[in-house]
Amino acid sequence: MRIQPIDRLDAPELALYATLRRTHEHEQAGVLVATHVKVVERLLASRFGVVSALLTPAWLQKLEPKLRARVEDEIVVYVADHRVLETLTGYTLHQGALAVGRIPPQPDLQTLLTHTSRPMLLAAVEGIANAENLGVIARTCAAFGVDVLIVGESSCSPFQRRAVSGSMGALFQQPVVQVGNLVKTLSTLRARGVRCLAAHPRPNATPLSAVDWRGDSCLVFGAEGPGLTPAVVEACDEAVLIPMPSHMNSLNVAVATGVFLYEATKIRRLTAPS
């Protein structure tokens, strides 16, 4: 670990911190930026590589043991007064701790499934452009023990800053796979005996309470408003809905994910062999 005091943020090596809104550049560089103290702490405790940290002196004192424990990384720690950190372009810093991590190589879905115990519980998302929602979905999946979260090609990257922050660092632990063709992926899952369930309120959809959760299952979610595309719905075995009063027809996708996964895990516990 190398500590480098700074009094301004316009040095080239600090560009990743000064361009927090330009997430595409971060993804191209294969890195992510953690902008919340809890997320920074979880990054330091994860398998993700750590490139650097940007801290106030107070946070350096608190995090130094965890930074020094990362002996496999050559971490540069930039230290600045809170007033300097507040000048970050496009971002108001509230806590005084940021870090840059390396995005590890994408896992292979088939390999993950081969090493997953049965019955599997998977989740997939289509068209989630809101990074905060995707982050909360990942956090919810981690909370309910989802084996793999599959991110379709029309969704944003799960490693965007707002997604990582929304997940509160759960993305460092939750297995996530980005796929280039969600319809094809769902067809492959069905060929392996995984029942794919579209969270979609069409008239003939199965009520959530009537679903049999005992086998391998994959829940598929779309954004509130547009929902799932017809092609994705058709690629699933059946559509499932949350019964609601007639004046309501949808929930925020992150909220709906929590409702579905709570029901699925509850029924699985009740029906698991003793």
C-alpha atoms as a PDB file:
ATOM      1  CA  MET A   1       0.000   0.000   0.000  1.00  0.00           C
ATOM      2  CA  ARG A   2       1.309   3.456  -0.948  1.00  0.00           C
ATOM      3  CA  ILE A   3      -0.119   6.583   0.669  1.00  0.00           C
ATOM      4  CA  GLN A   4      -0.118   9.757  -1.420  1.00  0.00           C
ATOM      5  CA  PRO A   5      -1.429  13.044   0.020  1.00  0.00           C
ATOM      6  CA  ILE A   6      -3.172  15.296  -2.518  1.00  0.00           C
ATOM      7  CA  ASP A   7      -4.619  18.800  -2.442  1.00  0.00           C
ATOM      8  CA  ARG A   8      -6.423  18.797  -5.817  1.00  0.00           C
ATOM      9  CA  LEU A   9      -8.252  16.280  -8.012  1.00  0.00           C
ATOM     10  CA  ASP A  10      -7.128  17.221 -11.519  1.00  0.00           C
ATOM     11  CA  ALA A  11      -4.164  14.825 -11.743  1.00  0.00           C
ATOM     12  CA  PRO A  12      -4.516  12.201 -14.531  1.00  0.00           C
ATOM     13  CA  GLU A  13      -4.283   9.305 -12.071  1.00  0.00           C
ATOM     14  CA  LEU A  14      -7.409  10.620 -10.326  1.00  0.00           C
ATOM     15  CA  ALA A  15      -9.511  10.702 -13.513  1.00  0.00           C
ATOM     16  CA  LEU A  16     -11.674   7.751 -12.459  1.00  0.00           C
ATOM     17  CA  TYR A  17     -12.789   9.653  -9.376  1.00  0.00           C
ATOM     18  CA  ALA A  18     -13.345  12.901 -11.291  1.00  0.00           C
ATOM     19  CA  THR A  19     -15.527  11.264 -13.977  1.00  0.00           C
ATOM     20  CA  LEU A  20     -18.057   9.414 -11.859  1.00  0.00           C
ATOM     21  CA  ARG A  21     -20.893  10.088 -14.304  1.00  0.00           C
ATOM     22  CA  ARG A  22     -19.010   8.602 -17.276  1.00  0.00           C
ATOM     23  CA  THR A  23     -19.657   5.004 -16.334  1.00  0.00           C
ATOM     24  CA  HIS A  24     -19.059   3.706 -19.865  1.00  0.00           C
ATOM     25  CA  GLU A  25     -15.410   4.754 -19.601  1.00  0.00           C
ATOM     26  CA  HIS A  26     -15.094   2.867 -16.331  1.00  0.00           C
ATOM     27  CA  GLU A  27     -16.541  -0.304 -17.833  1.00  0.00           C
ATOM     28  CA  GLN A  28     -14.201  -0.059 -20.828  1.00  0.00           C
ATOM     29  CA  ALA A  29     -11.300   0.189 -18.397  1.00  0.00           C
ATOM     30  CA  GLY A  30     -12.566  -2.885 -16.531  1.00  0.00           C
ATOM     31  CA  VAL A  31     -13.048  -1.077 -13.248  1.00  0.00           C
ATOM     32  CA  LEU A  32     -15.827   0.035 -10.924  1.00  0.00           C
ATOM     33  CA  VAL A  33     -15.986   2.847  -8.387  1.00  0.00           C
ATOM     34  CA  ALA A  34     -17.312   2.344  -4.864  1.00  0.00           C
ATOM     35  CA  THR A  35     -18.691   5.595  -3.451  1.00  0.00           C
ATOM     36  CA  HIS A  36     -20.183   4.578  -0.121  1.00  0.00           C
ATOM     37  CA  VAL A  37     -18.225   3.634   3.000  1.00  0.00           C
ATOM     38  CA  LYS A  38     -20.055   0.302   3.429  1.00  0.00           C
ATOM     39  CA  VAL A  39     -19.463  -0.513  -0.235  1.00  0.00           C
ATOM     40  CA  VAL A  40     -15.771   0.351   0.086  1.00  0.00           C
ATOM     41  CA  GLU A  41     -15.489  -1.916   3.129  1.00  0.00           C
ATOM     42  CA  ARG A  42     -17.207  -4.762   1.281  1.00  0.00           C
ATOM     43  CA  LEU A  43     -14.965  -4.245  -1.733  1.00  0.00           C
ATOM     44  CA  LEU A  44     -11.916  -4.587   0.520  1.00  0.00           C
ATOM     45  CA  ALA A  45     -13.337  -7.818   1.945  1.00  0.00           C
ATOM     46  CA  SER A  46     -14.175  -9.285  -1.487  1.00  0.00           C
ATOM     47  CA  ARG A  47     -12.362 -11.276  -4.161  1.00  0.00           C
ATOM     48  CA  PHE A  48     -12.361  -8.205  -6.447  1.00  0.00           C
ATOM     49  CA  GLY A  49      -9.010  -6.576  -7.012  1.00  0.00           C
ATOM     50  CA  VAL A  50      -8.504  -3.111  -5.539  1.00  0.00           C
ATOM     51  CA  VAL A  51      -6.647  -0.454  -7.545  1.00  0.00           C
ATOM     52  CA  SER A  52      -6.802   2.614  -5.324  1.00  0.00           C
ATOM     53  CA  ALA A  53      -8.730   4.467  -2.643  1.00  0.00           C
ATOM     54  CA  LEU A  54      -9.539   8.130  -2.113  1.00  0.00           C
ATOM     55  CA  LEU A  55      -9.980   8.903   1.570  1.00  0.00           C
ATOM     56  CA  THR A  56     -10.067  11.632   4.141  1.00  0.00           C
ATOM     57  CA  PRO A  57      -7.445  11.259   6.907  1.00  0.00           C
ATOM     58  CA  ALA A  58     -10.118  10.051   9.306  1.00  0.00           C
ATOM     59  CA  TRP A  59     -11.196   7.257   6.970  1.00  0.00           C
ATOM     60  CA  LEU A  60      -7.607   6.291   6.245  1.00  0.00           C
ATOM     61  CA  GLN A  61      -7.127   5.729   9.959  1.00  0.00           C
ATOM     62  CA  LYS A  62     -10.254   3.549  10.131  1.00  0.00           C
ATOM     63  CA  LEU A  63      -9.647   1.553   6.942  1.00  0.00           C
ATOM     64  CA  GLU A  64      -5.848   1.226   7.007  1.00  0.00           C
ATOM     65  CA  PRO A  65      -5.825  -2.289   8.579  1.00  0.00           C
ATOM     66  CA  LYS A  66      -8.174  -3.573   5.858  1.00  0.00           C
ATOM     67  CA  LEU A  67      -6.158  -1.865   3.135  1.00  0.00           C
ATOM     68  CA  ARG A  68      -2.883  -3.327   4.399  1.00  0.00           C
ATOM     69  CA  ALA A  69      -4.484  -6.765   4.588  1.00  0.00           C
ATOM     70  CA  ARG A  70      -4.886  -6.676   0.787  1.00  0.00           C
ATOM     71  CA  VAL A  71      -1.329  -7.937   0.261  1.00  0.00           C
ATOM     72  CA  GLU A  72      -2.186  -9.238  -3.210  1.00  0.00           C
ATOM     73  CA  ASP A  73      -2.899  -5.689  -4.466  1.00  0.00           C
ATOM     74  CA  GLU A  74      -0.587  -2.707  -4.900  1.00  0.00           C
ATOM     75  CA  ILE A  75      -3.095  -0.141  -3.688  1.00  0.00           C
ATOM     76  CA  VAL A  76      -2.457   3.571  -4.003  1.00  0.00           C
ATOM     77  CA  VAL A  77      -4.300   5.490  -1.290  1.00  0.00           C
ATOM     78  CA  TYR A  78      -4.902   9.146  -2.102  1.00  0.00           C
ATOM     79  CA  VAL A  79      -5.556  11.213   1.017  1.00  0.00           C
ATOM     80  CA  ALA A  80      -7.253  14.585   0.901  1.00  0.00           C
ATOM     81  CA  ASP A  81      -9.175  16.933   3.113  1.00  0.00           C
ATOM     82  CA  HIS A  82     -12.952  16.537   2.978  1.00  0.00           C
ATOM     83  CA  ARG A  83     -13.175  19.995   1.367  1.00  0.00           C
ATOM     84  CA  VAL A  84     -11.031  18.797  -1.551  1.00  0.00           C
ATOM     85  CA  LEU A  85     -13.106  15.674  -2.035  1.00  0.00           C
ATOM     86  CA  GLU A  86     -16.263  17.786  -2.210  1.00  0.00           C
ATOM     87  CA  THR A  87     -15.011  19.249  -5.517  1.00  0.00           C
ATOM     88  CA  LEU A  88     -15.545  15.955  -7.360  1.00  0.00           C
ATOM     89  CA  THR A  89     -17.208  16.640 -10.717  1.00  0.00           C
ATOM     90  CA  GLY A  90     -20.909  15.789 -10.765  1.00  0.00           C
ATOM     91  CA  TYR A  91     -20.951  14.111  -7.381  1.00  0.00           C
ATOM     92  CA  THR A  92     -21.426  15.410  -3.856  1.00  0.00           C
ATOM     93  CA  LEU A  93     -19.379  13.378  -1.432  1.00  0.00           C
ATOM     94  CA  HIS A  94     -21.021  12.801   1.919  1.00  0.00           C
ATOM     95  CA  GLN A  95     -18.805  10.246   3.640  1.00  0.00           C
ATOM     96  CA  GLY A  96     -15.189  10.718   2.627  1.00  0.00           C
ATOM     97  CA  ALA A  97     -14.333   7.259   1.275  1.00  0.00           C
ATOM     98  CA  LEU A  98     -14.171   6.008  -2.319  1.00  0.00           C
ATOM     99  CA  ALA A  99     -12.277   3.176  -3.992  1.00  0.00           C
ATOM    100  CA  VAL A 100     -11.632   1.751  -7.450  1.00  0.00           C
ATOM    101  CA  GLY A 101     -11.910  -2.004  -7.909  1.00  0.00           C
ATOM    102  CA  ARG A 102     -11.202  -4.300 -10.830  1.00  0.00           C
ATOM    103  CA  ILE A 103     -14.144  -6.065 -12.466  1.00  0.00           C
ATOM    104  CA  PRO A 104     -13.164  -9.762 -12.553  1.00  0.00           C
ATOM    105  CA  PRO A 105     -13.586 -11.883 -15.700  1.00  0.00           C
ATOM    106  CA  GLN A 106     -17.190 -12.740 -16.480  1.00  0.00           C
ATOM    107  CA  PRO A 107     -18.185 -16.158 -15.092  1.00  0.00           C
ATOM    108  CA  ASP A 108     -19.562 -18.736 -17.486  1.00  0.00           C
ATOM    109  CA  LEU A 109     -23.224 -19.564 -16.821  1.00  0.00           C
ATOM    110  CA  GLN A 110     -22.852 -23.231 -17.685  1.00  0.00           C
ATOM    111  CA  THR A 111     -19.931 -23.600 -15.277  1.00  0.00           C
ATOM    112  CA  LEU A 112     -21.855 -21.852 -12.507  1.00  0.00           C
ATOM    113  CA  LEU A 113     -24.859 -24.107 -13.022  1.00  0.00           C
ATOM    114  CA  THR A 114     -22.696 -27.229 -12.996  1.00  0.00           C
ATOM    115  CA  HIS A 115     -21.397 -26.307  -9.548  1.00  0.00           C
ATOM    116  CA  THR A 116     -24.754 -25.208  -8.109  1.00  0.00           C
ATOM    117  CA  SER A 117     -26.644 -27.486  -5.753  1.00  0.00           C
ATOM    118  CA  ARG A 118     -30.199 -28.540  -6.594  1.00  0.00           C
ATOM    119  CA  PRO A 119     -32.872 -27.334  -6.635  1.00  0.00           C
ATOM    120  CA  MET A 120     -31.535 -24.148  -8.202  1.00  0.00           C
ATOM    121  CA  LEU A 121     -33.136 -20.749  -7.762  1.00  0.00           C
ATOM    122  CA  LEU A 122     -32.149 -18.302 -10.480  1.00  0.00           C
ATOM    123  CA  ALA A 123     -33.279 -14.812 -11.423  1.00  0.00           C
ATOM    124  CA  ALA A 124     -33.023 -12.996 -14.755  1.00  0.00           C
ATOM    125  CA  VAL A 125     -33.708  -9.407 -15.754  1.00  0.00           C
ATOM    126  CA  GLU A 126     -34.610  -7.746 -19.043  1.00  0.00           C
ATOM    127  CA  GLY A 127     -34.606  -4.056 -19.884  1.00  0.00           C
ATOM    128  CA  ILE A 128     -33.493  -2.753 -16.480  1.00  0.00           C
ATOM    129  CA  ALA A 129     -31.976   0.585 -17.469  1.00  0.00           C
ATOM    130  CA  ASN A 130     -32.130   2.079 -13.987  1.00  0.00           C
ATOM    131  CA  ALA A 131     -28.848   1.176 -12.295  1.00  0.00           C
ATOM    132  CA  GLU A 132     -30.198   1.726  -8.777  1.00  0.00           C
ATOM    133  CA  ASN A 133     -33.000  -0.754  -9.442  1.00  0.00           C
ATOM    134  CA  LEU A 134     -30.535  -3.313 -10.763  1.00  0.00           C
ATOM    135  CA  GLY A 135     -28.385  -2.859  -7.689  1.00  0.00           C
ATOM    136  CA  VAL A 136     -31.332  -3.368  -5.339  1.00  0.00           C
ATOM    137  CA  ILE A 137     -32.352  -6.466  -7.317  1.00  0.00           C
ATOM    138  CA  ALA A 138     -28.839  -7.874  -6.852  1.00  0.00           C
ATOM    139  CA  ARG A 139     -28.979  -7.111  -3.133  1.00  0.00           C
ATOM    140  CA  THR A 140     -32.372  -8.821  -2.890  1.00  0.00           C
ATOM    141  CA  CYS A 141     -31.078 -11.864  -4.762  1.00  0.00           C
ATOM    142  CA  ALA A 142     -28.170 -12.124  -2.336  1.00  0.00           C
ATOM    143  CA  ALA A 143     -30.521 -11.798   0.636  1.00  0.00           C
ATOM    144  CA  PHE A 144     -32.730 -14.656  -0.545  1.00  0.00           C
ATOM    145  CA  GLY A 145     -29.963 -16.987  -1.701  1.00  0.00           C
ATOM    146  CA  VAL A 146     -30.422 -16.751  -5.467  1.00  0.00           C
ATOM    147  CA  ASP A 147     -27.762 -18.928  -7.050  1.00  0.00           C
ATOM    148  CA  VAL A 148     -27.193 -16.766 -10.154  1.00  0.00           C
ATOM    149  CA  LEU A 149     -28.554 -13.420 -11.344  1.00  0.00           C
ATOM    150  CA  ILE A 150     -28.688 -13.320 -15.151  1.00  0.00           C
ATOM    151  CA  VAL A 151     -28.551  -9.840 -16.694  1.00  0.00           C
ATOM    152  CA  GLY A 152     -29.945  -9.648 -20.217  1.00  0.00           C
ATOM    153  CA  GLU A 153     -28.476  -7.641 -23.068  1.00  0.00           C
ATOM    154  CA  SER A 154     -30.989  -4.773 -22.787  1.00  0.00           C
ATOM    155  CA  SER A 155     -30.171  -4.062 -19.136  1.00  0.00           C
ATOM    156  CA  CYS A 156     -27.475  -1.733 -17.865  1.00  0.00           C
ATOM    157  CA  SER A 157     -24.239  -3.103 -16.497  1.00  0.00           C
ATOM    158  CA  PRO A 158     -24.440  -4.393 -12.916  1.00  0.00           C
ATOM    159  CA  PHE A 159     -21.043  -2.789 -12.308  1.00  0.00           C
ATOM    160  CA  GLN A 160     -22.122   0.795 -12.893  1.00  0.00           C
ATOM    161  CA  ARG A 161     -21.418   3.011  -9.900  1.00  0.00           C
ATOM    162  CA  ARG A 162     -25.101   3.449  -9.003  1.00  0.00           C
ATOM    163  CA  ALA A 163     -25.764  -0.273  -9.333  1.00  0.00           C
ATOM    164  CA  VAL A 164     -22.856  -1.158  -7.077  1.00  0.00           C
ATOM    165  CA  SER A 165     -23.992   1.479  -4.581  1.00  0.00           C
ATOM    166  CA  GLY A 166     -27.635   0.330  -4.777  1.00  0.00           C
ATOM    167  CA  SER A 167     -26.541  -3.212  -4.037  1.00  0.00           C
ATOM    168  CA  MET A 168     -24.622  -1.978  -0.966  1.00  0.00           C
ATOM    169  CA  GLY A 169     -21.741  -4.144  -2.150  1.00  0.00           C
ATOM    170  CA  ALA A 170     -23.825  -7.315  -2.554  1.00  0.00           C
ATOM    171  CA  LEU A 171     -22.583  -7.452  -6.161  1.00  0.00           C
ATOM    172  CA  PHE A 172     -19.164  -8.419  -4.811  1.00  0.00           C
ATOM    173  CA  GLN A 173     -20.672 -11.685  -3.515  1.00  0.00           C
ATOM    174  CA  GLN A 174     -23.773 -12.383  -5.618  1.00  0.00           C
ATOM    175  CA  PRO A 175     -22.932 -14.480  -8.729  1.00  0.00           C
ATOM    176  CA  VAL A 176     -23.943 -12.386 -11.748  1.00  0.00           C
ATOM    177  CA  VAL A 177     -23.766 -13.283 -15.435  1.00  0.00           C
ATOM    178  CA  GLN A 178     -24.308 -10.872 -18.314  1.00  0.00           C
ATOM    179  CA  VAL A 179     -25.657 -12.585 -21.427  1.00  0.00           C
ATOM    180  CA  GLY A 180     -25.913 -11.424 -25.012  1.00  0.00           C
ATOM    181  CA  ASN A 181     -29.223 -13.114 -25.800  1.00  0.00           C
ATOM    182  CA  LEU A 182     -31.670 -13.586 -22.948  1.00  0.00           C
ATOM    183  CA  VAL A 183     -34.216 -15.497 -25.047  1.00  0.00           C
ATOM    184  CA  LYS A 184     -31.575 -18.018 -26.077  1.00  0.00           C
ATOM    185  CA  THR A 185     -30.347 -18.285 -22.484  1.00  0.00           C
ATOM    186  CA  LEU A 186     -33.860 -19.043 -21.212  1.00  0.00           C
ATOM    187  CA  SER A 187     -34.268 -21.716 -23.898  1.00  0.00           C
ATOM    188  CA  THR A 188     -30.991 -23.271 -22.779  1.00  0.00           C
ATOM    189  CA  LEU A 189     -32.147 -23.273 -19.159  1.00  0.00           C
ATOM    190  CA  ARG A 190     -35.425 -24.957 -20.093  1.00  0.00           C
ATOM    191  CA  ALA A 191     -33.500 -27.616 -21.990  1.00  0.00           C
ATOM    192  CA  ARG A 192     -31.643 -28.323 -18.722  1.00  0.00           C
ATOM    193  CA  GLY A 193     -34.931 -28.787 -16.881  1.00  0.00           C
ATOM    194  CA  VAL A 194     -35.053 -25.323 -15.309  1.00  0.00           C
ATOM    195  CA  ARG A 195     -38.608 -23.948 -15.219  1.00  0.00           C
ATOM    196  CA  CYS A 196     -38.595 -20.321 -16.373  1.00  0.00           C
ATOM    197  CA  LEU A 197     -41.313 -18.133 -14.865  1.00  0.00           C
ATOM    198  CA  ALA A 198     -42.075 -14.713 -16.321  1.00  0.00           C
ATOM    199  CA  ALA A 199     -43.141 -12.114 -13.768  1.00  0.00           C
ATOM    200  CA  HIS A 200     -45.835 -10.775 -16.078  1.00  0.00           C
ATOM    201  CA  PRO A 201     -49.454  -9.816 -15.291  1.00  0.00           C
ATOM    202  CA  ARG A 202     -51.198 -11.160 -18.388  1.00  0.00           C
ATOM    203  CA  PRO A 203     -54.807 -12.386 -17.996  1.00  0.00           C
ATOM    204  CA  ASN A 204     -54.007 -16.107 -17.838  1.00  0.00           C
ATOM    205  CA  ALA A 205     -51.005 -15.733 -15.535  1.00  0.00           C
ATOM    206  CA  THR A 206     -50.654 -18.023 -12.503  1.00  0.00           C
ATOM    207  CA  PRO A 207     -51.088 -16.335  -9.099  1.00  0.00           C
ATOM    208  CA  LEU A 208     -47.832 -16.264  -7.166  1.00  0.00           C
ATOM    209  CA  SER A 209     -49.273 -18.332  -4.307  1.00  0.00           C
ATOM    210  CA  ALA A 210     -50.168 -21.180  -6.694  1.00  0.00           C
ATOM    211  CA  VAL A 211     -46.651 -21.756  -8.077  1.00  0.00           C
ATOM    212  CA  ASP A 212     -44.857 -25.033  -7.363  1.00  0.00           C
ATOM    213  CA  TRP A 213     -41.337 -24.002  -6.337  1.00  0.00           C
ATOM    214  CA  ARG A 214     -39.854 -27.418  -5.611  1.00  0.00           C
ATOM    215  CA  GLY A 215     -37.774 -27.851  -8.773  1.00  0.00           C
ATOM    216  CA  ASP A 216     -35.101 -25.794 -10.504  1.00  0.00           C
ATOM    217  CA  SER A 217     -36.630 -22.390 -11.225  1.00  0.00           C
ATOM    218  CA  CYS A 218     -35.684 -19.111 -12.871  1.00  0.00           C
ATOM    219  CA  LEU A 219     -37.755 -15.987 -12.217  1.00  0.00           C
ATOM    220  CA  VAL A 220     -37.618 -13.437 -15.034  1.00  0.00           C
ATOM    221  CA  PHE A 221     -38.267  -9.737 -14.336  1.00  0.00           C
ATOM    222  CA  GLY A 222     -38.732  -6.713 -16.586  1.00  0.00           C
ATOM    223  CA  ALA A 223     -38.832  -2.989 -15.924  1.00  0.00           C
ATOM    224  CA  GLU A 224     -41.970  -1.425 -14.510  1.00  0.00           C
ATOM    225  CA  GLY A 225     -43.968   0.075 -17.360  1.00  0.00           C
ATOM    226  CA  PRO A 226     -42.740  -1.785 -20.459  1.00  0.00           C
ATOM    227  CA  GLY A 227     -42.415  -5.079 -18.593  1.00  0.00           C
ATOM    228  CA  LEU A 228     -41.057  -8.117 -20.384  1.00  0.00           C
ATOM    229  CA  THR A 229     -41.001  -8.271 -24.167  1.00  0.00           C
ATOM    230  CA  PRO A 230     -43.307 -10.807 -25.881  1.00  0.00           C
ATOM    231  CA  ALA A 231     -40.259 -12.797 -27.020  1.00  0.00           C
ATOM    232  CA  VAL A 232     -39.023 -13.244 -23.431  1.00  0.00           C
ATOM    233  CA  VAL A 233     -42.497 -14.114 -22.142  1.00  0.00           C
ATOM    234  CA  GLU A 234     -42.843 -16.737 -24.874  1.00  0.00           C
ATOM    235  CA  ALA A 235     -39.426 -18.151 -24.001  1.00  0.00           C
ATOM    236  CA  CYS A 236     -40.702 -18.907 -20.469  1.00  0.00           C
ATOM    237  CA  ASP A 237     -42.803 -21.852 -19.325  1.00  0.00           C
ATOM    238  CA  GLU A 238     -45.510 -19.697 -17.781  1.00  0.00           C
ATOM    239  CA  ALA A 239     -46.359 -16.219 -16.572  1.00  0.00           C
ATOM    240  CA  VAL A 240     -46.797 -15.506 -12.865  1.00  0.00           C
ATOM    241  CA  LEU A 241     -48.379 -12.479 -11.221  1.00  0.00           C
ATOM    242  CA  ILE A 242     -48.813 -10.886  -7.798  1.00  0.00           C
ATOM    243  CA  PRO A 243     -52.570 -10.508  -7.214  1.00  0.00           C
ATOM    244  CA  MET A 244     -53.379  -6.829  -6.612  1.00  0.00           C
ATOM    245  CA  PRO A 245     -56.476  -4.604  -6.442  1.00  0.00           C
ATOM    246  CA  SER A 246     -57.873  -3.549  -9.804  1.00  0.00           C
ATOM    247  CA  HIS A 247     -56.639   0.050  -9.453  1.00  0.00           C
ATOM    248  CA  MET A 248     -53.043  -1.224  -9.223  1.00  0.00           C
ATOM    249  CA  ASN A 249     -51.326  -3.045 -12.060  1.00  0.00           C
ATOM    250  CA  SER A 250     -47.633  -3.043 -11.228  1.00  0.00           C
ATOM    251  CA  LEU A 251     -44.918  -2.605  -8.620  1.00  0.00           C
ATOM    252  CA  ASN A 252     -41.422  -1.224  -8.887  1.00  0.00           C
ATOM    253  CA  VAL A 253     -39.323  -4.089 -10.266  1.00  0.00           C
ATOM    254  CA  ALA A 254     -37.000  -4.156  -7.254  1.00  0.00           C
ATOM    255  CA  VAL A 255     -39.994  -4.384  -4.904  1.00  0.00           C
ATOM    256  CA  ALA A 256     -41.605  -7.085  -7.046  1.00  0.00           C
ATOM    257  CA  THR A 257     -38.368  -9.069  -7.001  1.00  0.00           C
ATOM    258  CA  GLY A 258     -38.439  -9.065  -3.208  1.00  0.00           C
ATOM    259  CA  VAL A 259     -42.066 -10.260  -3.118  1.00  0.00           C
ATOM    260  CA  PHE A 260     -41.438 -13.095  -5.584  1.00  0.00           C
ATOM    261  CA  LEU A 261     -38.233 -14.266  -3.937  1.00  0.00           C
ATOM    262  CA  TYR A 262     -39.702 -14.142  -0.443  1.00  0.00           C
ATOM    263  CA  GLU A 263     -42.576 -16.363  -1.554  1.00  0.00           C
ATOM    264  CA  ALA A 264     -40.271 -18.741  -3.421  1.00  0.00           C
ATOM    265  CA  THR A 265     -37.838 -19.207  -0.541  1.00  0.00           C
ATOM    266  CA  LYS A 266     -40.642 -19.499   2.026  1.00  0.00           C
ATOM    267  CA  ILE A 267     -42.361 -22.314   0.114  1.00  0.00           C
ATOM    268  CA  ARG A 268     -39.039 -24.054  -0.538  1.00  0.00           C
ATOM    269  CA  ARG A 269     -38.287 -24.114   3.164  1.00  0.00           C
ATOM    270  CA  LEU A 270     -41.724 -25.481   3.991  1.00  0.00           C
ATOM    271  CA  THR A 271     -41.547 -28.223   1.340  1.00  0.00           C
ATOM    272  CA  ALA A 272     -37.880 -29.189   1.726  1.00  0.00           C
ATOM    273  CA  PRO A 273     -37.268 -32.796   2.797  1.00  0.00           C
ATOM    274  CA  SER A 274     -36.639 -33.000   6.540  1.00  0.00           C
END
